Amino acid sequence: GLVLAQAVAYDAIVLDIMLPGLNGYEVCAKLRAAEVWTPVLMLSAKDGEWDEAEALDTGADDFLRKPFSFVVLVARLRALIRRGS
């Protein structure tokens, strides 16, 4: 996913924090270090405010806790895409 996100222009990226290998924080930080400015919506089953703060501090544009409503997910993606990168 990281390689594709660096090679292909997407409208937005939905990124989970808990991934095998690199976690979502690391992936997001690597994207930003590579100057990939695609809007990132980070998802997590974690519910702590520190997790949300870390996601935003590593470059995510928005954060959504699981479980979430599909309607809210789509609305947040539309908002990120409207704002652009």
N, C-alpha and C. Protein backbone atom coordinates (compact mmCIF):
# COMPACT_ATOMS: atom_id res chain seq x y z
N GLY A 1 0.81 -1.20 0.00
CA GLY A 1 0.00 0.00 0.00
C GLY A 1 0.85 1.26 0.00
N LEU A 2 1.94 1.24 0.77
CA LEU A 2 2.81 2.42 0.83
C LEU A 2 3.41 2.72 -0.54
N VAL A 3 3.87 1.68 -1.22
CA VAL A 3 4.48 1.87 -2.55
C VAL A 3 3.45 2.44 -3.52
N LEU A 4 2.24 1.89 -3.52
CA LEU A 4 1.20 2.39 -4.42
C LEU A 4 0.80 3.82 -4.08
N ALA A 5 0.72 4.13 -2.80
CA ALA A 5 0.35 5.49 -2.39
C ALA A 5 1.40 6.51 -2.83
N GLN A 6 2.65 6.07 -2.96
CA GLN A 6 3.71 6.96 -3.41
C GLN A 6 3.76 7.05 -4.93
N ALA A 7 3.24 6.04 -5.62
CA ALA A 7 3.37 5.98 -7.08
C ALA A 7 2.13 6.44 -7.83
N VAL A 8 0.96 6.33 -7.21
CA VAL A 8 -0.31 6.62 -7.88
C VAL A 8 -1.00 7.78 -7.16
N ALA A 9 -1.57 8.70 -7.93
CA ALA A 9 -2.31 9.82 -7.33
C ALA A 9 -3.73 9.38 -6.99
N TYR A 10 -4.05 9.34 -5.71
CA TYR A 10 -5.39 9.00 -5.23
C TYR A 10 -6.08 10.27 -4.75
N ASP A 11 -7.41 10.23 -4.70
CA ASP A 11 -8.17 11.37 -4.16
C ASP A 11 -8.04 11.43 -2.65
N ALA A 12 -7.99 10.27 -2.00
CA ALA A 12 -7.86 10.18 -0.54
C ALA A 12 -7.35 8.79 -0.20
N ILE A 13 -6.79 8.67 1.00
CA ILE A 13 -6.30 7.39 1.49
C ILE A 13 -6.99 7.11 2.82
N VAL A 14 -7.54 5.90 2.94
CA VAL A 14 -8.10 5.42 4.21
C VAL A 14 -7.05 4.48 4.78
N LEU A 15 -6.57 4.79 5.98
CA LEU A 15 -5.43 4.09 6.55
C LEU A 15 -5.74 3.63 7.97
N ASP A 16 -5.62 2.34 8.21
CA ASP A 16 -5.83 1.79 9.56
C ASP A 16 -4.54 1.92 10.35
N ILE A 17 -4.63 2.16 11.64
CA ILE A 17 -3.43 2.25 12.47
C ILE A 17 -2.79 0.88 12.66
N MET A 18 -3.61 -0.12 12.94
CA MET A 18 -3.07 -1.43 13.28
C MET A 18 -2.90 -2.28 12.03
N LEU A 19 -1.70 -2.22 11.46
CA LEU A 19 -1.34 -2.97 10.26
C LEU A 19 -0.18 -3.90 10.58
N PRO A 20 -0.07 -4.99 9.84
CA PRO A 20 1.11 -5.84 10.03
C PRO A 20 2.35 -5.14 9.47
N GLY A 21 3.48 -5.36 10.06
CA GLY A 21 4.70 -4.68 9.59
C GLY A 21 4.70 -3.24 10.08
N LEU A 22 4.70 -2.30 9.16
CA LEU A 22 4.61 -0.89 9.54
C LEU A 22 3.21 -0.58 10.03
N ASN A 23 3.09 0.20 11.10
CA ASN A 23 1.74 0.60 11.53
C ASN A 23 1.31 1.84 10.76
N GLY A 24 0.07 2.21 10.93
CA GLY A 24 -0.49 3.33 10.18
C GLY A 24 0.23 4.65 10.45
N TYR A 25 0.69 4.85 11.69
CA TYR A 25 1.44 6.06 12.01
C TYR A 25 2.70 6.14 11.15
N GLU A 26 3.40 5.01 11.07
CA GLU A 26 4.66 4.96 10.29
C GLU A 26 4.40 5.16 8.80
N VAL A 27 3.34 4.54 8.29
CA VAL A 27 3.00 4.69 6.87
C VAL A 27 2.69 6.15 6.58
N CYS A 28 1.88 6.77 7.41
CA CYS A 28 1.51 8.17 7.21
C CYS A 28 2.74 9.07 7.27
N ALA A 29 3.61 8.85 8.24
CA ALA A 29 4.83 9.65 8.37
C ALA A 29 5.72 9.50 7.14
N LYS A 30 5.84 8.28 6.62
CA LYS A 30 6.65 8.04 5.43
C LYS A 30 6.05 8.73 4.20
N LEU A 31 4.72 8.72 4.10
CA LEU A 31 4.07 9.41 2.98
C LEU A 31 4.37 10.90 3.04
N ARG A 32 4.23 11.49 4.21
CA ARG A 32 4.47 12.92 4.35
C ARG A 32 5.94 13.26 4.12
N ALA A 33 6.85 12.39 4.58
CA ALA A 33 8.28 12.61 4.36
C ALA A 33 8.62 12.55 2.87
N ALA A 34 7.86 11.73 2.12
CA ALA A 34 8.05 11.62 0.68
C ALA A 34 7.28 12.70 -0.08
N GLU A 35 6.70 13.64 0.66
CA GLU A 35 5.92 14.74 0.11
C GLU A 35 4.70 14.28 -0.68
N VAL A 36 4.07 13.22 -0.18
CA VAL A 36 2.78 12.78 -0.70
C VAL A 36 1.73 13.48 0.16
N TRP A 37 0.98 14.38 -0.46
CA TRP A 37 0.03 15.22 0.28
C TRP A 37 -1.42 14.79 0.09
N THR A 38 -1.64 13.58 -0.39
CA THR A 38 -3.00 13.04 -0.52
C THR A 38 -3.66 13.07 0.86
N PRO A 39 -4.90 13.53 0.96
CA PRO A 39 -5.58 13.53 2.26
C PRO A 39 -5.67 12.12 2.83
N VAL A 40 -5.37 11.99 4.13
CA VAL A 40 -5.39 10.69 4.82
C VAL A 40 -6.43 10.71 5.92
N LEU A 41 -7.33 9.75 5.86
CA LEU A 41 -8.30 9.50 6.94
C LEU A 41 -7.82 8.26 7.66
N MET A 42 -7.44 8.40 8.92
CA MET A 42 -6.92 7.28 9.69
C MET A 42 -8.03 6.67 10.53
N LEU A 43 -8.08 5.33 10.52
CA LEU A 43 -9.06 4.58 11.28
C LEU A 43 -8.38 3.84 12.42
N SER A 44 -9.13 3.64 13.52
CA SER A 44 -8.56 2.85 14.61
C SER A 44 -9.64 2.29 15.51
N ALA A 45 -9.37 1.09 16.01
CA ALA A 45 -10.22 0.50 17.04
C ALA A 45 -9.82 1.05 18.40
N LYS A 46 -8.66 1.70 18.47
CA LYS A 46 -8.22 2.33 19.71
C LYS A 46 -9.09 3.54 19.99
N ASP A 47 -9.35 3.81 21.26
CA ASP A 47 -10.27 4.91 21.55
C ASP A 47 -9.65 6.00 22.41
N GLY A 48 -8.35 5.98 22.55
CA GLY A 48 -7.72 6.99 23.38
C GLY A 48 -7.46 8.28 22.64
N GLU A 49 -7.48 9.37 23.37
CA GLU A 49 -7.22 10.67 22.76
C GLU A 49 -5.77 10.78 22.30
N TRP A 50 -4.86 10.04 22.94
CA TRP A 50 -3.45 10.07 22.53
C TRP A 50 -3.27 9.43 21.16
N ASP A 51 -4.06 8.40 20.87
CA ASP A 51 -3.99 7.75 19.55
C ASP A 51 -4.44 8.72 18.46
N GLU A 52 -5.51 9.43 18.72
CA GLU A 52 -6.00 10.42 17.76
C GLU A 52 -4.98 11.53 17.56
N ALA A 53 -4.40 12.01 18.66
CA ALA A 53 -3.40 13.07 18.58
C ALA A 53 -2.18 12.60 17.79
N GLU A 54 -1.73 11.38 18.03
CA GLU A 54 -0.56 10.86 17.31
C GLU A 54 -0.85 10.75 15.82
N ALA A 55 -2.06 10.29 15.48
CA ALA A 55 -2.44 10.18 14.06
C ALA A 55 -2.38 11.54 13.39
N LEU A 56 -2.94 12.53 14.01
CA LEU A 56 -2.94 13.88 13.44
C LEU A 56 -1.54 14.47 13.40
N ASP A 57 -0.76 14.20 14.44
CA ASP A 57 0.61 14.72 14.48
C ASP A 57 1.54 14.06 13.47
N THR A 58 1.23 12.84 13.04
CA THR A 58 2.08 12.18 12.04
C THR A 58 1.64 12.51 10.62
N GLY A 59 0.58 13.32 10.49
CA GLY A 59 0.22 13.80 9.16
C GLY A 59 -1.17 13.43 8.67
N ALA A 60 -1.94 12.69 9.45
CA ALA A 60 -3.30 12.37 9.04
C ALA A 60 -4.15 13.65 9.02
N ASP A 61 -5.10 13.69 8.11
CA ASP A 61 -5.98 14.86 8.01
C ASP A 61 -7.25 14.71 8.82
N ASP A 62 -7.61 13.46 9.12
CA ASP A 62 -8.82 13.20 9.90
C ASP A 62 -8.64 11.85 10.58
N PHE A 63 -9.47 11.59 11.57
CA PHE A 63 -9.38 10.38 12.38
C PHE A 63 -10.79 9.89 12.67
N LEU A 64 -11.00 8.59 12.56
CA LEU A 64 -12.32 8.02 12.82
C LEU A 64 -12.14 6.74 13.62
N ARG A 65 -12.89 6.65 14.74
CA ARG A 65 -12.81 5.47 15.60
C ARG A 65 -13.79 4.40 15.14
N LYS A 66 -13.35 3.13 15.26
CA LYS A 66 -14.22 1.99 14.98
C LYS A 66 -15.00 1.68 16.25
N PRO A 67 -16.20 1.20 16.16
CA PRO A 67 -16.98 1.05 14.95
C PRO A 67 -17.50 2.42 14.50
N PHE A 68 -17.68 2.57 13.22
CA PHE A 68 -18.16 3.82 12.68
C PHE A 68 -19.28 3.56 11.69
N SER A 69 -20.04 4.58 11.43
CA SER A 69 -21.12 4.50 10.46
C SER A 69 -20.53 4.67 9.06
N PHE A 70 -20.96 3.84 8.13
CA PHE A 70 -20.53 3.96 6.74
C PHE A 70 -20.90 5.33 6.18
N VAL A 71 -22.06 5.83 6.58
CA VAL A 71 -22.51 7.14 6.11
C VAL A 71 -21.53 8.23 6.56
N VAL A 72 -21.06 8.15 7.80
CA VAL A 72 -20.11 9.13 8.32
C VAL A 72 -18.75 8.98 7.63
N LEU A 73 -18.31 7.75 7.40
CA LEU A 73 -17.05 7.52 6.69
C LEU A 73 -17.09 8.18 5.31
N VAL A 74 -18.14 7.95 4.56
CA VAL A 74 -18.26 8.51 3.21
C VAL A 74 -18.34 10.04 3.27
N ALA A 75 -19.06 10.58 4.25
CA ALA A 75 -19.17 12.04 4.37
C ALA A 75 -17.81 12.66 4.70
N ARG A 76 -17.05 12.03 5.57
CA ARG A 76 -15.73 12.55 5.91
C ARG A 76 -14.79 12.49 4.71
N LEU A 77 -14.88 11.41 3.92
CA LEU A 77 -14.07 11.32 2.71
C LEU A 77 -14.44 12.39 1.70
N ARG A 78 -15.73 12.64 1.55
CA ARG A 78 -16.16 13.72 0.64
C ARG A 78 -15.60 15.06 1.11
N ALA A 79 -15.62 15.31 2.43
CA ALA A 79 -15.11 16.57 2.97
C ALA A 79 -13.61 16.69 2.71
N LEU A 80 -12.86 15.62 2.93
CA LEU A 80 -11.41 15.65 2.68
C LEU A 80 -11.12 15.93 1.20
N ILE A 81 -11.86 15.27 0.33
CA ILE A 81 -11.64 15.46 -1.10
C ILE A 81 -11.99 16.87 -1.53
N ARG A 82 -13.06 17.44 -0.93
CA ARG A 82 -13.43 18.83 -1.24
C ARG A 82 -12.31 19.79 -0.87
N ARG A 83 -11.68 19.55 0.27
CA ARG A 83 -10.60 20.42 0.75
C ARG A 83 -9.36 20.27 -0.11
N GLY A 84 -9.20 19.12 -0.75
CA GLY A 84 -8.02 18.89 -1.59
C GLY A 84 -6.79 18.60 -0.77
N SER A 85 -5.67 18.47 -1.45
CA SER A 85 -4.43 18.14 -0.74
C SER A 85 -3.64 19.40 -0.46
